Amino acid sequence: MTGTTLHIPTLETERLILRGPRRRDVDGFVEFFASDRAKYAGGSADTSKAWSEFAEMIGHWTLRGFGSYIITRKYSDRGIGHVGGLHPPNWPEREIGWSLWRAHDEGRGYATEAASAVIRHVYETLGWATAVSYIAPDNVASIAMAERLGATRDKSARTPTGLRCFVYRHPAPEALH
């Protein structure tokens, strides 16, 4: 099937544009995924594996109708990370996941701002009733971010097959208003 157009909505926040992945984003993603920064995202892989992961990110939109957005600052179209909804076949629930690709973008609230916009979108537009984030137990930064987003650890929730993680449940849609 050639020529198929994939529609990925654009989300906008005060400082950011969240848009669909584009060819020009692959280099930043591959650099991130091949680095130690991606250790909690299955990274530190070779370029070929990282490229496949990027293609999988795009494929999620086709197969599920939602997926990861590329995070860009309003004044630049350069990708600084990704954030979005995920639901691979071995995951018991739909997840909100995030990553910033470079250390110098951390600590500025970009990931929290982007994840908040995605959470609102999946609840208000896609009709999700709940969302979780699967976080490695020693990923202190992501645990802190999940808590800033209002998520709490759900010890009774199932985890994805073969993944050692904590489950953080985001506040229900009605709690956001």
C-alpha atoms as a PDB file:
ATOM      1  CA  MET A   1       0.000   0.000   0.000  1.00  0.00           C
ATOM      2  CA  THR A   2       1.743   3.151  -1.177  1.00  0.00           C
ATOM      3  CA  GLY A   3       0.643   6.729  -0.980  1.00  0.00           C
ATOM      4  CA  THR A   4      -1.307   6.243   2.246  1.00  0.00           C
ATOM      5  CA  THR A   5      -1.463   9.427   4.306  1.00  0.00           C
ATOM      6  CA  LEU A   6      -1.276   8.969   8.036  1.00  0.00           C
ATOM      7  CA  HIS A   7      -3.132  11.641  10.015  1.00  0.00           C
ATOM      8  CA  ILE A   8      -1.484  12.516  13.301  1.00  0.00           C
ATOM      9  CA  PRO A   9      -3.023  15.509  15.056  1.00  0.00           C
ATOM     10  CA  THR A  10      -0.781  18.326  16.236  1.00  0.00           C
ATOM     11  CA  LEU A  11      -1.037  19.373  19.879  1.00  0.00           C
ATOM     12  CA  GLU A  12       0.115  22.763  21.110  1.00  0.00           C
ATOM     13  CA  THR A  13       1.037  23.926  24.602  1.00  0.00           C
ATOM     14  CA  GLU A  14       2.308  27.243  25.891  1.00  0.00           C
ATOM     15  CA  ARG A  15       5.901  26.498  24.790  1.00  0.00           C
ATOM     16  CA  LEU A  16       5.718  23.352  22.680  1.00  0.00           C
ATOM     17  CA  ILE A  17       4.387  21.791  19.515  1.00  0.00           C
ATOM     18  CA  LEU A  18       3.728  18.039  19.620  1.00  0.00           C
ATOM     19  CA  ARG A  19       3.610  16.629  16.111  1.00  0.00           C
ATOM     20  CA  GLY A  20       3.945  13.397  14.241  1.00  0.00           C
ATOM     21  CA  PRO A  21       7.360  11.854  13.617  1.00  0.00           C
ATOM     22  CA  ARG A  22       9.116  12.956  10.421  1.00  0.00           C
ATOM     23  CA  ARG A  23      12.118  11.666   8.538  1.00  0.00           C
ATOM     24  CA  ARG A  24      14.272  14.519   9.840  1.00  0.00           C
ATOM     25  CA  ASP A  25      13.637  13.349  13.442  1.00  0.00           C
ATOM     26  CA  VAL A  26      15.218   9.944  12.971  1.00  0.00           C
ATOM     27  CA  ASP A  27      18.801  11.124  13.562  1.00  0.00           C
ATOM     28  CA  GLY A  28      17.988  12.716  16.937  1.00  0.00           C
ATOM     29  CA  PHE A  29      16.041   9.635  17.982  1.00  0.00           C
ATOM     30  CA  VAL A  30      18.782   7.249  16.849  1.00  0.00           C
ATOM     31  CA  GLU A  31      21.393   9.296  18.741  1.00  0.00           C
ATOM     32  CA  PHE A  32      19.212   9.146  21.873  1.00  0.00           C
ATOM     33  CA  PHE A  33      18.305   5.469  21.533  1.00  0.00           C
ATOM     34  CA  ALA A  34      21.913   4.406  20.988  1.00  0.00           C
ATOM     35  CA  SER A  35      23.039   6.284  24.119  1.00  0.00           C
ATOM     36  CA  ASP A  36      22.970   5.452  27.814  1.00  0.00           C
ATOM     37  CA  ARG A  37      20.154   8.017  28.175  1.00  0.00           C
ATOM     38  CA  ALA A  38      17.797   5.413  26.682  1.00  0.00           C
ATOM     39  CA  LYS A  39      18.603   2.673  29.194  1.00  0.00           C
ATOM     40  CA  TYR A  40      15.060   2.812  30.623  1.00  0.00           C
ATOM     41  CA  ALA A  41      13.499   2.835  27.153  1.00  0.00           C
ATOM     42  CA  GLY A  42      15.164  -0.343  25.891  1.00  0.00           C
ATOM     43  CA  GLY A  43      17.973   1.636  24.296  1.00  0.00           C
ATOM     44  CA  SER A  44      21.744   1.491  24.051  1.00  0.00           C
ATOM     45  CA  ALA A  45      21.215  -0.366  20.803  1.00  0.00           C
ATOM     46  CA  ASP A  46      22.965  -0.186  17.490  1.00  0.00           C
ATOM     47  CA  THR A  47      21.821   2.221  14.791  1.00  0.00           C
ATOM     48  CA  SER A  48      19.802  -0.424  12.946  1.00  0.00           C
ATOM     49  CA  LYS A  49      17.819  -1.342  16.080  1.00  0.00           C
ATOM     50  CA  ALA A  50      17.274   2.334  16.902  1.00  0.00           C
ATOM     51  CA  TRP A  51      16.016   3.003  13.370  1.00  0.00           C
ATOM     52  CA  SER A  52      13.615   0.059  13.721  1.00  0.00           C
ATOM     53  CA  GLU A  53      12.339   1.478  17.026  1.00  0.00           C
ATOM     54  CA  PHE A  54      11.663   4.800  15.295  1.00  0.00           C
ATOM     55  CA  ALA A  55       9.762   3.010  12.531  1.00  0.00           C
ATOM     56  CA  GLU A  56       7.804   1.137  15.213  1.00  0.00           C
ATOM     57  CA  MET A  57       6.866   4.499  16.739  1.00  0.00           C
ATOM     58  CA  ILE A  58       5.326   5.532  13.421  1.00  0.00           C
ATOM     59  CA  GLY A  59       3.674   2.130  12.930  1.00  0.00           C
ATOM     60  CA  HIS A  60       1.901   2.426  16.276  1.00  0.00           C
ATOM     61  CA  TRP A  61      -0.151   5.293  14.817  1.00  0.00           C
ATOM     62  CA  THR A  62      -1.275   3.080  11.937  1.00  0.00           C
ATOM     63  CA  LEU A  63      -2.107   0.054  14.070  1.00  0.00           C
ATOM     64  CA  ARG A  64      -3.642   1.767  17.121  1.00  0.00           C
ATOM     65  CA  GLY A  65      -4.722   5.214  15.930  1.00  0.00           C
ATOM     66  CA  PHE A  66      -2.532   6.868  18.587  1.00  0.00           C
ATOM     67  CA  GLY A  67       1.151   6.910  19.378  1.00  0.00           C
ATOM     68  CA  SER A  68       4.138   9.045  20.240  1.00  0.00           C
ATOM     69  CA  TYR A  69       4.486  12.669  19.248  1.00  0.00           C
ATOM     70  CA  ILE A  70       7.758  14.408  18.607  1.00  0.00           C
ATOM     71  CA  ILE A  71       8.276  17.238  21.099  1.00  0.00           C
ATOM     72  CA  THR A  72       9.495  20.501  19.553  1.00  0.00           C
ATOM     73  CA  ARG A  73       9.831  24.003  20.950  1.00  0.00           C
ATOM     74  CA  LYS A  74       7.517  26.541  19.312  1.00  0.00           C
ATOM     75  CA  TYR A  75      10.442  28.499  17.893  1.00  0.00           C
ATOM     76  CA  SER A  76      12.156  25.443  16.378  1.00  0.00           C
ATOM     77  CA  ASP A  77      10.956  22.354  14.545  1.00  0.00           C
ATOM     78  CA  ARG A  78      13.915  20.307  15.844  1.00  0.00           C
ATOM     79  CA  GLY A  79      12.782  17.293  17.866  1.00  0.00           C
ATOM     80  CA  ILE A  80      13.881  17.308  21.507  1.00  0.00           C
ATOM     81  CA  GLY A  81      12.076  14.146  22.610  1.00  0.00           C
ATOM     82  CA  HIS A  82       8.929  12.095  22.266  1.00  0.00           C
ATOM     83  CA  VAL A  83       5.774  11.622  24.315  1.00  0.00           C
ATOM     84  CA  GLY A  84       2.566   9.749  23.713  1.00  0.00           C
ATOM     85  CA  GLY A  85       0.224   6.867  24.148  1.00  0.00           C
ATOM     86  CA  LEU A  86       1.434   3.316  23.728  1.00  0.00           C
ATOM     87  CA  HIS A  87      -0.263  -0.062  23.818  1.00  0.00           C
ATOM     88  CA  PRO A  88       1.883  -2.885  22.426  1.00  0.00           C
ATOM     89  CA  PRO A  89       0.228  -6.322  22.407  1.00  0.00           C
ATOM     90  CA  ASN A  90       1.949  -7.578  25.587  1.00  0.00           C
ATOM     91  CA  TRP A  91       0.924  -4.560  27.690  1.00  0.00           C
ATOM     92  CA  PRO A  92      -2.191  -4.932  29.830  1.00  0.00           C
ATOM     93  CA  GLU A  93      -3.092  -1.212  29.663  1.00  0.00           C
ATOM     94  CA  ARG A  94      -2.562   1.868  27.554  1.00  0.00           C
ATOM     95  CA  GLU A  95       0.452   3.845  28.667  1.00  0.00           C
ATOM     96  CA  ILE A  96       1.672   7.412  28.511  1.00  0.00           C
ATOM     97  CA  GLY A  97       5.424   7.370  27.909  1.00  0.00           C
ATOM     98  CA  TRP A  98       8.053  10.091  27.468  1.00  0.00           C
ATOM     99  CA  SER A  99      11.717  10.715  26.804  1.00  0.00           C
ATOM    100  CA  LEU A 100      13.856  13.778  26.277  1.00  0.00           C
ATOM    101  CA  TRP A 101      16.694  13.050  23.913  1.00  0.00           C
ATOM    102  CA  ARG A 102      19.394  15.336  25.321  1.00  0.00           C
ATOM    103  CA  ALA A 103      20.395  16.106  28.906  1.00  0.00           C
ATOM    104  CA  HIS A 104      20.438  19.878  28.341  1.00  0.00           C
ATOM    105  CA  ASP A 105      16.645  19.820  27.754  1.00  0.00           C
ATOM    106  CA  GLU A 106      15.928  18.288  31.176  1.00  0.00           C
ATOM    107  CA  GLY A 107      14.824  20.344  34.158  1.00  0.00           C
ATOM    108  CA  ARG A 108      12.882  22.875  32.069  1.00  0.00           C
ATOM    109  CA  GLY A 109       9.450  21.257  32.408  1.00  0.00           C
ATOM    110  CA  TYR A 110       9.210  20.271  28.727  1.00  0.00           C
ATOM    111  CA  ALA A 111       8.392  16.600  29.355  1.00  0.00           C
ATOM    112  CA  THR A 112       5.800  17.428  32.024  1.00  0.00           C
ATOM    113  CA  GLU A 113       4.160  20.050  29.808  1.00  0.00           C
ATOM    114  CA  ALA A 114       4.082  17.663  26.849  1.00  0.00           C
ATOM    115  CA  ALA A 115       2.792  14.684  28.856  1.00  0.00           C
ATOM    116  CA  SER A 116       0.043  16.824  30.407  1.00  0.00           C
ATOM    117  CA  ALA A 117      -1.154  17.792  26.929  1.00  0.00           C
ATOM    118  CA  VAL A 118      -1.142  14.168  25.768  1.00  0.00           C
ATOM    119  CA  ILE A 119      -3.032  13.004  28.857  1.00  0.00           C
ATOM    120  CA  ARG A 120      -5.725  15.627  28.253  1.00  0.00           C
ATOM    121  CA  HIS A 121      -5.876  14.600  24.583  1.00  0.00           C
ATOM    122  CA  VAL A 122      -6.265  10.863  25.203  1.00  0.00           C
ATOM    123  CA  TYR A 123      -8.979  11.482  27.791  1.00  0.00           C
ATOM    124  CA  GLU A 124     -10.916  14.255  26.048  1.00  0.00           C
ATOM    125  CA  THR A 125     -10.474  13.310  22.381  1.00  0.00           C
ATOM    126  CA  LEU A 126      -9.792   9.563  22.366  1.00  0.00           C
ATOM    127  CA  GLY A 127     -12.093   8.742  25.290  1.00  0.00           C
ATOM    128  CA  TRP A 128      -9.626   6.821  27.439  1.00  0.00           C
ATOM    129  CA  ALA A 129     -10.984   6.164  30.933  1.00  0.00           C
ATOM    130  CA  THR A 130      -7.556   5.578  32.468  1.00  0.00           C
ATOM    131  CA  ALA A 131      -3.860   5.684  31.633  1.00  0.00           C
ATOM    132  CA  VAL A 132      -0.723   4.358  33.280  1.00  0.00           C
ATOM    133  CA  SER A 133       3.007   4.826  32.951  1.00  0.00           C
ATOM    134  CA  TYR A 134       5.291   1.801  33.259  1.00  0.00           C
ATOM    135  CA  ILE A 135       8.495   2.988  34.938  1.00  0.00           C
ATOM    136  CA  ALA A 136      11.666   1.113  35.855  1.00  0.00           C
ATOM    137  CA  PRO A 137      12.068   1.024  39.659  1.00  0.00           C
ATOM    138  CA  ASP A 138      15.398   2.893  39.537  1.00  0.00           C
ATOM    139  CA  ASN A 139      14.244   5.567  37.050  1.00  0.00           C
ATOM    140  CA  VAL A 140      13.992   8.236  39.728  1.00  0.00           C
ATOM    141  CA  ALA A 141      13.491  11.109  37.263  1.00  0.00           C
ATOM    142  CA  SER A 142      10.486   9.482  35.559  1.00  0.00           C
ATOM    143  CA  ILE A 143       8.942   8.492  38.886  1.00  0.00           C
ATOM    144  CA  ALA A 144       9.229  12.104  40.044  1.00  0.00           C
ATOM    145  CA  MET A 145       7.685  13.333  36.803  1.00  0.00           C
ATOM    146  CA  ALA A 146       4.792  10.854  37.034  1.00  0.00           C
ATOM    147  CA  GLU A 147       4.135  12.129  40.547  1.00  0.00           C
ATOM    148  CA  ARG A 148       4.247  15.761  39.326  1.00  0.00           C
ATOM    149  CA  LEU A 149       1.577  14.745  36.805  1.00  0.00           C
ATOM    150  CA  GLY A 150      -0.539  13.474  39.714  1.00  0.00           C
ATOM    151  CA  ALA A 151       0.059   9.768  39.065  1.00  0.00           C
ATOM    152  CA  THR A 152       0.256   7.377  41.997  1.00  0.00           C
ATOM    153  CA  ARG A 153       1.789   3.940  42.203  1.00  0.00           C
ATOM    154  CA  ASP A 154      -0.789   1.213  41.573  1.00  0.00           C
ATOM    155  CA  LYS A 155       0.597  -1.904  43.254  1.00  0.00           C
ATOM    156  CA  SER A 156      -2.387  -4.009  42.146  1.00  0.00           C
ATOM    157  CA  ALA A 157      -1.997  -3.274  38.411  1.00  0.00           C
ATOM    158  CA  ARG A 158      -0.519  -5.879  36.099  1.00  0.00           C
ATOM    159  CA  THR A 159       2.804  -5.167  34.420  1.00  0.00           C
ATOM    160  CA  PRO A 160       3.766  -5.904  30.813  1.00  0.00           C
ATOM    161  CA  THR A 161       5.068  -9.403  30.174  1.00  0.00           C
ATOM    162  CA  GLY A 162       8.805  -9.555  30.833  1.00  0.00           C
ATOM    163  CA  LEU A 163       9.106  -5.941  32.003  1.00  0.00           C
ATOM    164  CA  ARG A 164      10.302  -5.188  35.542  1.00  0.00           C
ATOM    165  CA  CYS A 165       8.580  -1.925  36.391  1.00  0.00           C
ATOM    166  CA  PHE A 166       6.308   0.029  38.667  1.00  0.00           C
ATOM    167  CA  VAL A 167       2.868   1.014  37.412  1.00  0.00           C
ATOM    168  CA  TYR A 168       1.906   4.648  37.959  1.00  0.00           C
ATOM    169  CA  ARG A 169      -1.773   5.408  37.367  1.00  0.00           C
ATOM    170  CA  HIS A 170      -2.649   8.880  36.148  1.00  0.00           C
ATOM    171  CA  PRO A 171      -5.604  10.748  37.635  1.00  0.00           C
ATOM    172  CA  ALA A 172      -8.972   9.902  36.049  1.00  0.00           C
ATOM    173  CA  PRO A 173     -10.309  12.277  33.386  1.00  0.00           C
ATOM    174  CA  GLU A 174     -12.766  13.925  35.769  1.00  0.00           C
ATOM    175  CA  ALA A 175      -9.910  14.773  38.141  1.00  0.00           C
ATOM    176  CA  LEU A 176      -8.285  16.995  35.491  1.00  0.00           C
ATOM    177  CA  HIS A 177     -11.140  19.504  35.461  1.00  0.00           C
END
